[in-house]
Amino acid sequence: MNYRTNTHQKQKPGLLTGLLGASSILVVSTLMSAQQPGGAGSGDGDHGDNPVVGSLPIEVDTELDAMFGEDSHVGVISTGDPILAVVGGAELEGSILDAYGSPNGRVNRFGEFTILGLQHTGTVLLNRNDCRTEKLSLKHWFPEEYLGGSLTMVSNLGTFSSLIGEGAAGLPLKFLATSPAPIVDALITARGAGTMGGTTTVHVVIVGEVVTVNYLP
């Protein structure tokens, strides 16, 4: 996977594993499910047809290709909010076990979409093996106010940080999914440059073969 930022690894704090233990993971995941209608436990696995993925209403957004696709950086992007996206091939929907949250999610085309984006609070459940094999990736697009800010991940696998550069930043989904740990908990925080910069949080929780991605813009 190609990253647009340079990442530096630091030694994890000694108390990190305890702070991010299994109990906190289950509590956070349960709270997220309780807050969002149509959570993972309430569905029957049927993704439905566009404009619904899982139980998340979605809309087509042609700018997603300019943000995350092969033509990224091409054309003018009018969206002023940060967007988190799951990026894959034409069979991306088959890798999404469920999706729910605040409407609307975004896709780049009707039918066989290749990008699913979250602008508002939402959750996406993914197959861990698809993340291991890079069948899909996780990327975060930032508007201008975030450029020059920081992207930090605190996890039970270590602590990492990088600067936010122009374009979409690739998040270390493969790194997390390939860990031999049966439970992985990673909190990724983006902070814009300066005192007026915005903040977003991506909480990735892996239990067994299920990857839960919670987005809190």
N, C-alpha and C. Protein backbone atom coordinates (compact mmCIF):
# COMPACT_ATOMS: atom_id res chain seq x y z
N MET A 1 0.85 -1.18 0.00
CA MET A 1 0.00 0.00 0.00
C MET A 1 0.89 1.23 0.00
N ASN A 2 0.54 2.23 -0.77
CA ASN A 2 1.30 3.46 -0.82
C ASN A 2 0.72 4.45 0.17
N TYR A 3 1.57 5.00 1.03
CA TYR A 3 1.15 5.99 1.99
C TYR A 3 1.59 7.36 1.52
N ARG A 4 0.78 8.38 1.78
CA ARG A 4 1.11 9.74 1.37
C ARG A 4 1.83 10.49 2.49
N THR A 5 1.98 9.85 3.64
CA THR A 5 2.65 10.51 4.74
C THR A 5 3.76 9.63 5.24
N ASN A 6 4.77 10.23 5.87
CA ASN A 6 5.85 9.47 6.47
C ASN A 6 5.50 9.19 7.91
N THR A 7 5.55 7.91 8.32
CA THR A 7 5.12 7.50 9.64
C THR A 7 6.32 7.12 10.48
N HIS A 8 6.33 7.54 11.73
CA HIS A 8 7.42 7.23 12.64
C HIS A 8 6.87 6.46 13.82
N GLN A 9 7.47 5.32 14.12
CA GLN A 9 6.99 4.49 15.22
C GLN A 9 7.72 4.83 16.50
N LYS A 10 6.97 4.85 17.59
CA LYS A 10 7.54 5.05 18.90
C LYS A 10 7.27 3.82 19.75
N GLN A 11 7.97 3.66 20.84
CA GLN A 11 7.72 2.55 21.73
C GLN A 11 6.39 2.76 22.42
N LYS A 12 5.58 1.73 22.55
CA LYS A 12 4.30 1.88 23.21
C LYS A 12 4.48 2.03 24.71
N PRO A 13 3.65 2.82 25.36
CA PRO A 13 3.73 2.98 26.81
C PRO A 13 3.44 1.66 27.50
N GLY A 14 4.04 1.45 28.67
CA GLY A 14 3.88 0.18 29.36
C GLY A 14 2.45 -0.11 29.77
N LEU A 15 1.65 0.95 30.04
CA LEU A 15 0.29 0.73 30.50
C LEU A 15 -0.71 0.70 29.36
N LEU A 16 -0.23 0.80 28.09
CA LEU A 16 -1.14 0.94 26.96
C LEU A 16 -2.06 -0.25 26.82
N THR A 17 -1.50 -1.46 26.93
CA THR A 17 -2.32 -2.65 26.75
C THR A 17 -3.44 -2.71 27.77
N GLY A 18 -3.12 -2.35 29.02
CA GLY A 18 -4.15 -2.36 30.05
C GLY A 18 -5.23 -1.35 29.79
N LEU A 19 -4.82 -0.16 29.33
CA LEU A 19 -5.80 0.89 29.07
C LEU A 19 -6.72 0.53 27.93
N LEU A 20 -6.19 -0.24 26.96
CA LEU A 20 -6.99 -0.59 25.79
C LEU A 20 -7.37 -2.06 25.84
N GLY A 21 -7.77 -2.53 27.00
CA GLY A 21 -8.09 -3.93 27.19
C GLY A 21 -9.39 -4.33 26.54
N ALA A 22 -9.69 -5.62 26.64
CA ALA A 22 -10.88 -6.16 25.99
C ALA A 22 -12.15 -5.56 26.56
N SER A 23 -12.16 -5.23 27.84
CA SER A 23 -13.37 -4.67 28.44
C SER A 23 -13.75 -3.35 27.81
N SER A 24 -12.76 -2.46 27.63
CA SER A 24 -13.06 -1.16 27.04
C SER A 24 -13.52 -1.30 25.61
N ILE A 25 -12.94 -2.27 24.89
CA ILE A 25 -13.35 -2.50 23.50
C ILE A 25 -14.82 -2.85 23.43
N LEU A 26 -15.23 -3.80 24.29
CA LEU A 26 -16.62 -4.26 24.23
C LEU A 26 -17.56 -3.15 24.65
N VAL A 27 -17.16 -2.34 25.64
CA VAL A 27 -18.02 -1.25 26.08
C VAL A 27 -18.21 -0.23 24.98
N VAL A 28 -17.10 0.19 24.32
CA VAL A 28 -17.19 1.19 23.26
C VAL A 28 -18.02 0.67 22.10
N SER A 29 -17.78 -0.59 21.70
CA SER A 29 -18.52 -1.16 20.57
C SER A 29 -20.00 -1.24 20.89
N THR A 30 -20.32 -1.62 22.13
CA THR A 30 -21.72 -1.73 22.52
C THR A 30 -22.38 -0.36 22.51
N LEU A 31 -21.68 0.67 23.02
CA LEU A 31 -22.24 2.01 23.02
C LEU A 31 -22.49 2.51 21.61
N MET A 32 -21.54 2.27 20.71
CA MET A 32 -21.72 2.72 19.33
C MET A 32 -22.92 2.06 18.70
N SER A 33 -23.10 0.74 18.95
CA SER A 33 -24.23 0.02 18.37
C SER A 33 -25.54 0.53 18.94
N ALA A 34 -25.53 0.84 20.25
CA ALA A 34 -26.75 1.30 20.88
C ALA A 34 -27.16 2.67 20.37
N GLN A 35 -26.17 3.50 20.00
CA GLN A 35 -26.48 4.85 19.55
C GLN A 35 -26.96 4.89 18.12
N GLN A 36 -26.62 3.89 17.33
CA GLN A 36 -26.94 3.93 15.91
C GLN A 36 -28.08 2.97 15.59
N PRO A 37 -29.12 3.41 14.93
CA PRO A 37 -30.20 2.51 14.54
C PRO A 37 -29.71 1.51 13.52
N GLY A 38 -30.26 0.30 13.59
CA GLY A 38 -29.89 -0.70 12.61
C GLY A 38 -28.49 -1.19 12.78
N GLY A 39 -28.02 -1.35 14.04
CA GLY A 39 -26.66 -1.80 14.30
C GLY A 39 -26.43 -3.20 13.81
N ALA A 40 -25.16 -3.66 13.96
CA ALA A 40 -24.77 -4.94 13.39
C ALA A 40 -25.62 -6.08 13.93
N GLY A 41 -26.05 -5.97 15.18
CA GLY A 41 -26.81 -7.07 15.76
C GLY A 41 -28.25 -7.11 15.29
N SER A 42 -28.71 -6.07 14.60
CA SER A 42 -30.12 -6.01 14.24
C SER A 42 -30.40 -6.39 12.80
N GLY A 43 -29.35 -6.56 12.00
CA GLY A 43 -29.55 -6.83 10.59
C GLY A 43 -29.57 -8.31 10.28
N ASP A 44 -29.93 -8.63 9.05
CA ASP A 44 -29.94 -10.03 8.63
C ASP A 44 -28.84 -10.30 7.62
N GLY A 45 -27.92 -9.35 7.45
CA GLY A 45 -26.82 -9.55 6.51
C GLY A 45 -27.13 -9.11 5.10
N ASP A 46 -28.37 -8.68 4.85
CA ASP A 46 -28.74 -8.26 3.51
C ASP A 46 -28.33 -6.80 3.33
N HIS A 47 -27.42 -6.55 2.40
CA HIS A 47 -26.94 -5.18 2.20
C HIS A 47 -27.99 -4.31 1.52
N GLY A 48 -28.97 -4.91 0.91
CA GLY A 48 -29.98 -4.11 0.23
C GLY A 48 -29.43 -3.53 -1.06
N ASP A 49 -30.21 -2.70 -1.71
CA ASP A 49 -29.80 -2.06 -2.96
C ASP A 49 -29.51 -0.59 -2.69
N ASN A 50 -28.68 -0.01 -3.55
CA ASN A 50 -28.48 1.42 -3.43
C ASN A 50 -29.85 2.10 -3.50
N PRO A 51 -30.11 3.13 -2.70
CA PRO A 51 -29.14 3.88 -1.90
C PRO A 51 -29.05 3.44 -0.44
N VAL A 52 -28.91 2.14 -0.16
CA VAL A 52 -28.71 1.65 1.21
C VAL A 52 -27.58 0.63 1.20
N VAL A 53 -26.64 0.77 2.14
CA VAL A 53 -25.61 -0.25 2.35
C VAL A 53 -25.69 -0.62 3.82
N GLY A 54 -25.89 -1.92 4.10
CA GLY A 54 -26.22 -2.30 5.47
C GLY A 54 -27.55 -1.66 5.79
N SER A 55 -27.59 -0.82 6.81
CA SER A 55 -28.80 -0.03 7.08
C SER A 55 -28.50 1.46 6.95
N LEU A 56 -27.38 1.79 6.27
CA LEU A 56 -26.97 3.18 6.12
C LEU A 56 -27.48 3.76 4.80
N PRO A 57 -28.35 4.75 4.85
CA PRO A 57 -28.76 5.42 3.61
C PRO A 57 -27.55 6.13 2.99
N ILE A 58 -27.43 6.04 1.68
CA ILE A 58 -26.27 6.62 1.01
C ILE A 58 -26.71 7.45 -0.19
N GLU A 59 -25.77 8.21 -0.71
CA GLU A 59 -26.03 8.97 -1.93
C GLU A 59 -24.79 8.92 -2.80
N VAL A 60 -24.97 9.11 -4.08
CA VAL A 60 -23.83 9.09 -5.01
C VAL A 60 -23.11 10.43 -4.93
N ASP A 61 -21.78 10.36 -4.83
CA ASP A 61 -20.95 11.57 -4.76
C ASP A 61 -19.80 11.40 -5.76
N THR A 62 -19.89 12.09 -6.86
CA THR A 62 -18.89 11.93 -7.93
C THR A 62 -17.51 12.47 -7.53
N GLU A 63 -17.43 13.25 -6.44
CA GLU A 63 -16.14 13.78 -6.02
C GLU A 63 -15.27 12.74 -5.31
N LEU A 64 -15.85 11.60 -4.91
CA LEU A 64 -15.06 10.59 -4.21
C LEU A 64 -13.90 10.08 -5.05
N ASP A 65 -14.08 9.98 -6.36
CA ASP A 65 -12.98 9.52 -7.22
C ASP A 65 -11.82 10.50 -7.21
N ALA A 66 -12.14 11.80 -7.17
CA ALA A 66 -11.08 12.81 -7.12
C ALA A 66 -10.37 12.78 -5.77
N MET A 67 -11.08 12.38 -4.71
CA MET A 67 -10.47 12.32 -3.39
C MET A 67 -9.64 11.05 -3.19
N PHE A 68 -10.20 9.90 -3.59
CA PHE A 68 -9.62 8.62 -3.21
C PHE A 68 -9.24 7.71 -4.38
N GLY A 69 -9.73 8.01 -5.57
CA GLY A 69 -9.52 7.10 -6.70
C GLY A 69 -8.22 7.34 -7.43
N GLU A 70 -8.11 6.69 -8.56
CA GLU A 70 -6.90 6.81 -9.37
C GLU A 70 -6.70 8.24 -9.87
N ASP A 71 -7.85 8.98 -10.03
CA ASP A 71 -7.70 10.38 -10.45
C ASP A 71 -7.62 11.33 -9.29
N SER A 72 -7.16 10.89 -8.11
CA SER A 72 -7.13 11.78 -6.97
C SER A 72 -6.26 12.99 -7.27
N HIS A 73 -6.66 14.12 -6.77
CA HIS A 73 -6.04 15.44 -7.02
C HIS A 73 -6.47 16.02 -8.36
N VAL A 74 -7.32 15.31 -9.14
CA VAL A 74 -7.76 15.85 -10.42
C VAL A 74 -9.12 16.51 -10.23
N GLY A 75 -9.26 17.73 -10.71
CA GLY A 75 -10.54 18.43 -10.62
C GLY A 75 -10.68 19.18 -9.31
N VAL A 76 -11.74 19.96 -9.22
CA VAL A 76 -12.00 20.79 -8.05
C VAL A 76 -12.90 20.02 -7.09
N ILE A 77 -12.53 19.99 -5.81
CA ILE A 77 -13.32 19.33 -4.79
C ILE A 77 -14.02 20.40 -3.97
N SER A 78 -15.34 20.35 -3.96
CA SER A 78 -16.10 21.40 -3.28
C SER A 78 -16.41 21.05 -1.83
N THR A 79 -16.32 19.76 -1.47
CA THR A 79 -16.67 19.34 -0.11
C THR A 79 -15.72 19.96 0.90
N GLY A 80 -16.29 20.56 1.95
CA GLY A 80 -15.45 21.21 2.94
C GLY A 80 -15.25 20.41 4.21
N ASP A 81 -15.82 19.20 4.29
CA ASP A 81 -15.71 18.38 5.49
C ASP A 81 -14.76 17.20 5.26
N PRO A 82 -14.05 16.74 6.31
CA PRO A 82 -13.23 15.54 6.16
C PRO A 82 -14.12 14.32 5.89
N ILE A 83 -13.59 13.35 5.17
CA ILE A 83 -14.34 12.14 4.83
C ILE A 83 -13.45 10.92 5.03
N LEU A 84 -14.00 9.91 5.70
CA LEU A 84 -13.32 8.62 5.85
C LEU A 84 -13.90 7.68 4.81
N ALA A 85 -13.04 6.90 4.15
CA ALA A 85 -13.53 6.03 3.07
C ALA A 85 -12.91 4.65 3.13
N VAL A 86 -13.74 3.66 2.83
CA VAL A 86 -13.28 2.30 2.56
C VAL A 86 -13.17 2.19 1.04
N VAL A 87 -11.99 1.84 0.56
CA VAL A 87 -11.71 1.82 -0.88
C VAL A 87 -11.38 0.40 -1.30
N GLY A 88 -12.03 -0.08 -2.35
CA GLY A 88 -11.77 -1.43 -2.84
C GLY A 88 -12.09 -1.55 -4.31
N GLY A 89 -12.24 -2.79 -4.75
CA GLY A 89 -12.59 -3.02 -6.15
C GLY A 89 -14.08 -3.03 -6.35
N ALA A 90 -14.49 -3.56 -7.51
CA ALA A 90 -15.91 -3.56 -7.87
C ALA A 90 -16.75 -4.43 -6.95
N GLU A 91 -16.10 -5.32 -6.18
CA GLU A 91 -16.83 -6.19 -5.26
C GLU A 91 -16.74 -5.68 -3.82
N LEU A 92 -16.55 -4.39 -3.65
CA LEU A 92 -16.38 -3.81 -2.32
C LEU A 92 -17.56 -4.13 -1.42
N GLU A 93 -18.76 -4.07 -1.94
CA GLU A 93 -19.93 -4.30 -1.08
C GLU A 93 -19.89 -5.67 -0.42
N GLY A 94 -19.31 -6.67 -1.10
CA GLY A 94 -19.21 -8.01 -0.54
C GLY A 94 -18.27 -8.09 0.65
N SER A 95 -17.36 -7.11 0.78
CA SER A 95 -16.43 -7.08 1.91
C SER A 95 -16.99 -6.31 3.09
N ILE A 96 -18.11 -5.62 2.89
CA ILE A 96 -18.73 -4.84 3.96
C ILE A 96 -19.80 -5.70 4.63
N LEU A 97 -19.53 -6.11 5.86
CA LEU A 97 -20.46 -6.98 6.58
C LEU A 97 -21.69 -6.20 7.03
N ASP A 98 -21.50 -4.93 7.38
CA ASP A 98 -22.63 -4.07 7.77
C ASP A 98 -22.14 -2.62 7.78
N ALA A 99 -23.08 -1.71 7.70
CA ALA A 99 -22.77 -0.29 7.79
C ALA A 99 -23.99 0.40 8.37
N TYR A 100 -23.76 1.32 9.30
CA TYR A 100 -24.87 2.06 9.89
C TYR A 100 -24.34 3.35 10.48
N GLY A 101 -25.24 4.28 10.75
CA GLY A 101 -24.83 5.57 11.30
C GLY A 101 -25.74 6.68 10.84
N SER A 102 -25.23 7.90 10.92
CA SER A 102 -26.02 9.08 10.54
C SER A 102 -26.04 9.23 9.02
N PRO A 103 -27.21 9.36 8.42
CA PRO A 103 -27.27 9.52 6.97
C PRO A 103 -26.71 10.87 6.54
N ASN A 104 -26.18 10.98 5.34
CA ASN A 104 -26.09 9.89 4.38
C ASN A 104 -24.63 9.49 4.21
N GLY A 105 -24.43 8.17 3.95
CA GLY A 105 -23.11 7.76 3.50
C GLY A 105 -22.96 8.13 2.04
N ARG A 106 -21.79 7.87 1.46
CA ARG A 106 -21.53 8.26 0.08
C ARG A 106 -20.90 7.11 -0.69
N VAL A 107 -21.28 6.98 -1.95
CA VAL A 107 -20.61 6.04 -2.85
C VAL A 107 -20.31 6.77 -4.16
N ASN A 108 -19.35 6.26 -4.91
CA ASN A 108 -18.92 6.99 -6.11
C ASN A 108 -19.72 6.63 -7.35
N ARG A 109 -20.58 5.62 -7.27
CA ARG A 109 -21.38 5.26 -8.45
C ARG A 109 -22.50 4.32 -8.02
N PHE A 110 -23.53 4.26 -8.83
CA PHE A 110 -24.58 3.27 -8.62
C PHE A 110 -24.06 1.90 -9.01
N GLY A 111 -24.70 0.85 -8.47
CA GLY A 111 -24.29 -0.50 -8.85
C GLY A 111 -23.00 -0.90 -8.16
N GLU A 112 -21.99 -1.26 -8.94
CA GLU A 112 -20.75 -1.79 -8.38
C GLU A 112 -19.82 -0.65 -7.96
N PHE A 113 -20.16 -0.01 -6.83
CA PHE A 113 -19.34 1.09 -6.34
C PHE A 113 -18.01 0.56 -5.82
N THR A 114 -16.99 1.40 -5.83
CA THR A 114 -15.65 1.01 -5.37
C THR A 114 -15.19 1.81 -4.16
N ILE A 115 -15.97 2.80 -3.75
CA ILE A 115 -15.63 3.63 -2.60
C ILE A 115 -16.89 3.83 -1.76
N LEU A 116 -16.78 3.60 -0.45
CA LEU A 116 -17.85 3.93 0.48
C LEU A 116 -17.30 4.97 1.46
N GLY A 117 -17.90 6.15 1.49
CA GLY A 117 -17.40 7.23 2.33
C GLY A 117 -18.34 7.59 3.46
N LEU A 118 -17.76 8.01 4.59
CA LEU A 118 -18.53 8.50 5.73
C LEU A 118 -18.15 9.95 5.98
N GLN A 119 -19.14 10.82 5.94
CA GLN A 119 -18.93 12.22 6.28
C GLN A 119 -19.41 12.50 7.70
N HIS A 120 -20.44 11.75 8.13
CA HIS A 120 -21.01 11.91 9.46
C HIS A 120 -20.65 10.70 10.31
N THR A 121 -21.07 10.73 11.58
CA THR A 121 -20.80 9.61 12.48
C THR A 121 -21.34 8.31 11.91
N GLY A 122 -20.51 7.27 11.90
CA GLY A 122 -20.95 6.00 11.34
C GLY A 122 -20.01 4.87 11.67
N THR A 123 -20.47 3.67 11.36
CA THR A 123 -19.72 2.44 11.64
C THR A 123 -19.77 1.53 10.43
N VAL A 124 -18.62 0.92 10.11
CA VAL A 124 -18.56 -0.06 9.03
C VAL A 124 -17.87 -1.31 9.57
N LEU A 125 -18.47 -2.48 9.33
CA LEU A 125 -17.89 -3.75 9.73
C LEU A 125 -17.30 -4.43 8.51
N LEU A 126 -16.04 -4.90 8.64
CA LEU A 126 -15.31 -5.47 7.52
C LEU A 126 -14.77 -6.85 7.85
N ASN A 127 -14.49 -7.61 6.81
CA ASN A 127 -13.86 -8.92 6.96
C ASN A 127 -12.36 -8.73 7.17
N ARG A 128 -11.81 -9.31 8.23
CA ARG A 128 -10.40 -9.08 8.57
C ARG A 128 -9.46 -9.58 7.47
N ASN A 129 -9.78 -10.69 6.86
CA ASN A 129 -8.89 -11.22 5.82
C ASN A 129 -8.83 -10.29 4.61
N ASP A 130 -9.94 -9.63 4.29
CA ASP A 130 -9.93 -8.66 3.18
C ASP A 130 -9.01 -7.49 3.50
N CYS A 131 -8.90 -7.16 4.78
CA CYS A 131 -7.99 -6.08 5.19
C CYS A 131 -6.54 -6.56 5.16
N ARG A 132 -6.30 -7.82 5.55
CA ARG A 132 -4.96 -8.39 5.52
C ARG A 132 -4.39 -8.40 4.10
N THR A 133 -5.23 -8.81 3.16
CA THR A 133 -4.77 -9.01 1.79
C THR A 133 -4.87 -7.75 0.94
N GLU A 134 -5.25 -6.64 1.57
CA GLU A 134 -5.39 -5.35 0.89
C GLU A 134 -6.43 -5.39 -0.23
N LYS A 135 -7.43 -6.27 -0.06
CA LYS A 135 -8.56 -6.24 -0.98
C LYS A 135 -9.28 -4.91 -0.84
N LEU A 136 -9.15 -4.32 0.34
CA LEU A 136 -9.69 -2.98 0.58
C LEU A 136 -8.72 -2.21 1.45
N SER A 137 -8.86 -0.90 1.45
CA SER A 137 -8.01 -0.05 2.27
C SER A 137 -8.87 1.02 2.93
N LEU A 138 -8.27 1.70 3.92
CA LEU A 138 -8.97 2.73 4.67
C LEU A 138 -8.20 4.03 4.47
N LYS A 139 -8.90 5.07 3.98
CA LYS A 139 -8.25 6.35 3.71
C LYS A 139 -9.06 7.50 4.29
N HIS A 140 -8.36 8.56 4.62
CA HIS A 140 -9.00 9.74 5.22
C HIS A 140 -8.62 10.95 4.39
N TRP A 141 -9.66 11.64 3.84
CA TRP A 141 -9.42 12.86 3.08
C TRP A 141 -9.65 14.06 3.99
N PHE A 142 -8.73 15.05 3.89
CA PHE A 142 -8.80 16.22 4.75
C PHE A 142 -8.91 17.50 3.93
N PRO A 143 -9.80 18.41 4.32
CA PRO A 143 -9.86 19.72 3.67
C PRO A 143 -8.64 20.56 4.08
N GLU A 144 -8.54 21.73 3.50
CA GLU A 144 -7.35 22.57 3.65
C GLU A 144 -7.01 22.91 5.10
N GLU A 145 -8.02 23.08 5.95
CA GLU A 145 -7.76 23.49 7.34
C GLU A 145 -6.98 22.44 8.13
N TYR A 146 -6.96 21.20 7.65
CA TYR A 146 -6.24 20.14 8.35
C TYR A 146 -4.79 20.00 7.89
N LEU A 147 -4.45 20.55 6.74
CA LEU A 147 -3.12 20.36 6.18
C LEU A 147 -2.07 20.96 7.09
N GLY A 148 -1.01 20.17 7.33
CA GLY A 148 0.03 20.58 8.26
C GLY A 148 -0.26 20.17 9.69
N GLY A 149 -1.42 19.58 9.94
CA GLY A 149 -1.77 19.10 11.27
C GLY A 149 -1.16 17.74 11.54
N SER A 150 -1.67 17.06 12.55
CA SER A 150 -1.08 15.77 12.96
C SER A 150 -2.09 14.64 12.86
N LEU A 151 -1.57 13.46 12.56
CA LEU A 151 -2.35 12.23 12.52
C LEU A 151 -1.67 11.26 13.48
N THR A 152 -2.35 10.89 14.55
CA THR A 152 -1.74 10.08 15.61
C THR A 152 -2.57 8.82 15.87
N MET A 153 -1.88 7.69 15.99
CA MET A 153 -2.56 6.45 16.34
C MET A 153 -1.99 5.92 17.65
N VAL A 154 -2.87 5.66 18.62
CA VAL A 154 -2.51 5.00 19.87
C VAL A 154 -3.21 3.65 19.88
N SER A 155 -2.45 2.58 20.04
CA SER A 155 -3.03 1.25 19.97
C SER A 155 -2.28 0.29 20.89
N ASN A 156 -2.83 -0.91 21.05
CA ASN A 156 -2.11 -1.92 21.82
C ASN A 156 -0.98 -2.55 21.02
N LEU A 157 -0.74 -2.06 19.80
CA LEU A 157 0.39 -2.50 18.99
C LEU A 157 1.49 -1.44 18.95
N GLY A 158 1.24 -0.26 19.46
CA GLY A 158 2.23 0.81 19.43
C GLY A 158 1.59 2.16 19.19
N THR A 159 2.41 3.19 19.22
CA THR A 159 1.96 4.55 19.00
C THR A 159 2.70 5.13 17.79
N PHE A 160 1.96 5.76 16.89
CA PHE A 160 2.53 6.28 15.65
C PHE A 160 2.02 7.70 15.42
N SER A 161 2.81 8.49 14.71
CA SER A 161 2.34 9.83 14.37
C SER A 161 2.93 10.25 13.03
N SER A 162 2.23 11.15 12.35
CA SER A 162 2.69 11.68 11.07
C SER A 162 2.02 13.02 10.83
N LEU A 163 2.54 13.76 9.88
CA LEU A 163 1.94 15.03 9.49
C LEU A 163 0.87 14.78 8.43
N ILE A 164 -0.15 15.62 8.43
CA ILE A 164 -1.20 15.53 7.42
C ILE A 164 -0.77 16.35 6.22
N GLY A 165 -0.57 15.68 5.09
CA GLY A 165 -0.18 16.36 3.86
C GLY A 165 -1.37 16.53 2.94
N GLU A 166 -1.12 16.98 1.75
CA GLU A 166 -2.19 17.21 0.77
C GLU A 166 -2.77 15.89 0.29
N GLY A 167 -4.08 15.83 0.15
CA GLY A 167 -4.72 14.64 -0.39
C GLY A 167 -5.19 13.69 0.69
N ALA A 168 -5.46 12.45 0.29
CA ALA A 168 -5.99 11.45 1.20
C ALA A 168 -4.85 10.70 1.88
N ALA A 169 -4.92 10.59 3.20
CA ALA A 169 -3.92 9.85 3.97
C ALA A 169 -4.37 8.41 4.12
N GLY A 170 -3.49 7.47 3.83
CA GLY A 170 -3.80 6.07 4.03
C GLY A 170 -3.64 5.70 5.50
N LEU A 171 -4.64 5.05 6.09
CA LEU A 171 -4.56 4.61 7.47
C LEU A 171 -4.07 3.17 7.52
N PRO A 172 -3.35 2.77 8.58
CA PRO A 172 -2.65 1.47 8.60
C PRO A 172 -3.56 0.27 8.87
N LEU A 173 -4.57 0.10 8.04
CA LEU A 173 -5.53 -0.98 8.25
C LEU A 173 -4.87 -2.35 8.09
N LYS A 174 -4.02 -2.51 7.08
CA LYS A 174 -3.34 -3.80 6.88
C LYS A 174 -2.45 -4.13 8.07
N PHE A 175 -1.72 -3.15 8.56
CA PHE A 175 -0.85 -3.35 9.72
C PHE A 175 -1.65 -3.89 10.91
N LEU A 176 -2.80 -3.30 11.16
CA LEU A 176 -3.63 -3.72 12.28
C LEU A 176 -4.20 -5.12 12.05
N ALA A 177 -4.65 -5.38 10.83
CA ALA A 177 -5.31 -6.66 10.53
C ALA A 177 -4.34 -7.83 10.51
N THR A 178 -3.08 -7.59 10.17
CA THR A 178 -2.10 -8.68 10.10
C THR A 178 -1.46 -9.00 11.45
N SER A 179 -1.80 -8.23 12.47
CA SER A 179 -1.27 -8.52 13.79
C SER A 179 -1.75 -9.90 14.26
N PRO A 180 -0.87 -10.67 14.92
CA PRO A 180 -1.29 -11.97 15.45
C PRO A 180 -2.22 -11.84 16.66
N ALA A 181 -2.34 -10.63 17.20
CA ALA A 181 -3.20 -10.43 18.37
C ALA A 181 -4.67 -10.71 18.02
N PRO A 182 -5.38 -11.49 18.82
CA PRO A 182 -6.79 -11.77 18.53
C PRO A 182 -7.67 -10.55 18.70
N ILE A 183 -7.21 -9.60 19.53
CA ILE A 183 -7.96 -8.36 19.75
C ILE A 183 -7.02 -7.18 19.52
N VAL A 184 -7.46 -6.26 18.69
CA VAL A 184 -6.68 -5.07 18.39
C VAL A 184 -7.57 -3.85 18.64
N ASP A 185 -7.01 -2.83 19.29
CA ASP A 185 -7.76 -1.61 19.57
C ASP A 185 -6.88 -0.42 19.19
N ALA A 186 -7.30 0.37 18.21
CA ALA A 186 -6.50 1.49 17.73
C ALA A 186 -7.37 2.74 17.64
N LEU A 187 -6.90 3.81 18.24
CA LEU A 187 -7.59 5.10 18.20
C LEU A 187 -6.74 6.05 17.37
N ILE A 188 -7.28 6.47 16.23
CA ILE A 188 -6.55 7.33 15.30
C ILE A 188 -7.19 8.72 15.33
N THR A 189 -6.40 9.71 15.72
CA THR A 189 -6.92 11.07 15.88
C THR A 189 -6.23 12.01 14.90
N ALA A 190 -7.02 12.78 14.16
CA ALA A 190 -6.49 13.80 13.25
C ALA A 190 -6.81 15.17 13.82
N ARG A 191 -5.79 16.01 13.88
CA ARG A 191 -5.96 17.37 14.37
C ARG A 191 -5.46 18.35 13.34
N GLY A 192 -6.29 19.33 13.02
CA GLY A 192 -5.90 20.33 12.05
C GLY A 192 -4.81 21.24 12.59
N ALA A 193 -4.16 21.94 11.69
CA ALA A 193 -3.08 22.84 12.09
C ALA A 193 -3.64 24.06 12.80
N GLY A 194 -2.93 24.55 13.81
CA GLY A 194 -3.36 25.76 14.49
C GLY A 194 -4.43 25.51 15.54
N THR A 195 -4.74 26.53 16.30
CA THR A 195 -5.70 26.39 17.39
C THR A 195 -7.14 26.25 16.89
N MET A 196 -7.39 26.66 15.66
CA MET A 196 -8.75 26.61 15.12
C MET A 196 -8.98 25.36 14.29
N GLY A 197 -7.98 24.48 14.21
CA GLY A 197 -8.11 23.28 13.39
C GLY A 197 -9.13 22.31 13.96
N GLY A 198 -9.79 21.57 13.08
CA GLY A 198 -10.78 20.60 13.51
C GLY A 198 -10.14 19.32 14.02
N THR A 199 -10.97 18.41 14.52
CA THR A 199 -10.51 17.12 15.04
C THR A 199 -11.46 16.03 14.59
N THR A 200 -10.92 14.90 14.16
CA THR A 200 -11.73 13.72 13.86
C THR A 200 -11.09 12.51 14.53
N THR A 201 -11.91 11.48 14.78
CA THR A 201 -11.42 10.26 15.41
C THR A 201 -11.90 9.05 14.63
N VAL A 202 -10.98 8.13 14.39
CA VAL A 202 -11.30 6.84 13.79
C VAL A 202 -10.91 5.78 14.80
N HIS A 203 -11.88 4.98 15.25
CA HIS A 203 -11.63 3.93 16.24
C HIS A 203 -11.77 2.58 15.55
N VAL A 204 -10.64 1.88 15.42
CA VAL A 204 -10.63 0.58 14.77
C VAL A 204 -10.52 -0.50 15.85
N VAL A 205 -11.51 -1.39 15.89
CA VAL A 205 -11.52 -2.49 16.85
C VAL A 205 -11.59 -3.80 16.07
N ILE A 206 -10.64 -4.70 16.34
CA ILE A 206 -10.63 -6.00 15.67
C ILE A 206 -10.79 -7.08 16.73
N VAL A 207 -11.83 -7.88 16.58
CA VAL A 207 -12.06 -9.03 17.46
C VAL A 207 -12.23 -10.25 16.57
N GLY A 208 -11.28 -11.18 16.65
CA GLY A 208 -11.34 -12.34 15.77
C GLY A 208 -11.20 -11.92 14.32
N GLU A 209 -12.18 -12.26 13.50
CA GLU A 209 -12.12 -11.99 12.07
C GLU A 209 -13.02 -10.83 11.65
N VAL A 210 -13.48 -10.05 12.60
CA VAL A 210 -14.34 -8.91 12.28
C VAL A 210 -13.63 -7.61 12.64
N VAL A 211 -13.58 -6.68 11.69
CA VAL A 211 -12.99 -5.37 11.89
C VAL A 211 -14.11 -4.35 11.97
N THR A 212 -14.17 -3.62 13.08
CA THR A 212 -15.18 -2.58 13.27
C THR A 212 -14.50 -1.22 13.18
N VAL A 213 -14.96 -0.40 12.26
CA VAL A 213 -14.39 0.94 12.07
C VAL A 213 -15.46 1.95 12.47
N ASN A 214 -15.19 2.69 13.56
CA ASN A 214 -16.11 3.71 14.04
C ASN A 214 -15.54 5.09 13.67
N TYR A 215 -16.36 5.91 13.03
CA TYR A 215 -15.91 7.25 12.61
C TYR A 215 -16.65 8.29 13.42
N LEU A 216 -15.87 9.17 14.08
CA LEU A 216 -16.45 10.23 14.91
C LEU A 216 -15.88 11.57 14.44
N PRO A 217 -16.51 12.21 13.44
CA PRO A 217 -15.99 13.49 12.93
C PRO A 217 -16.30 14.63 13.90
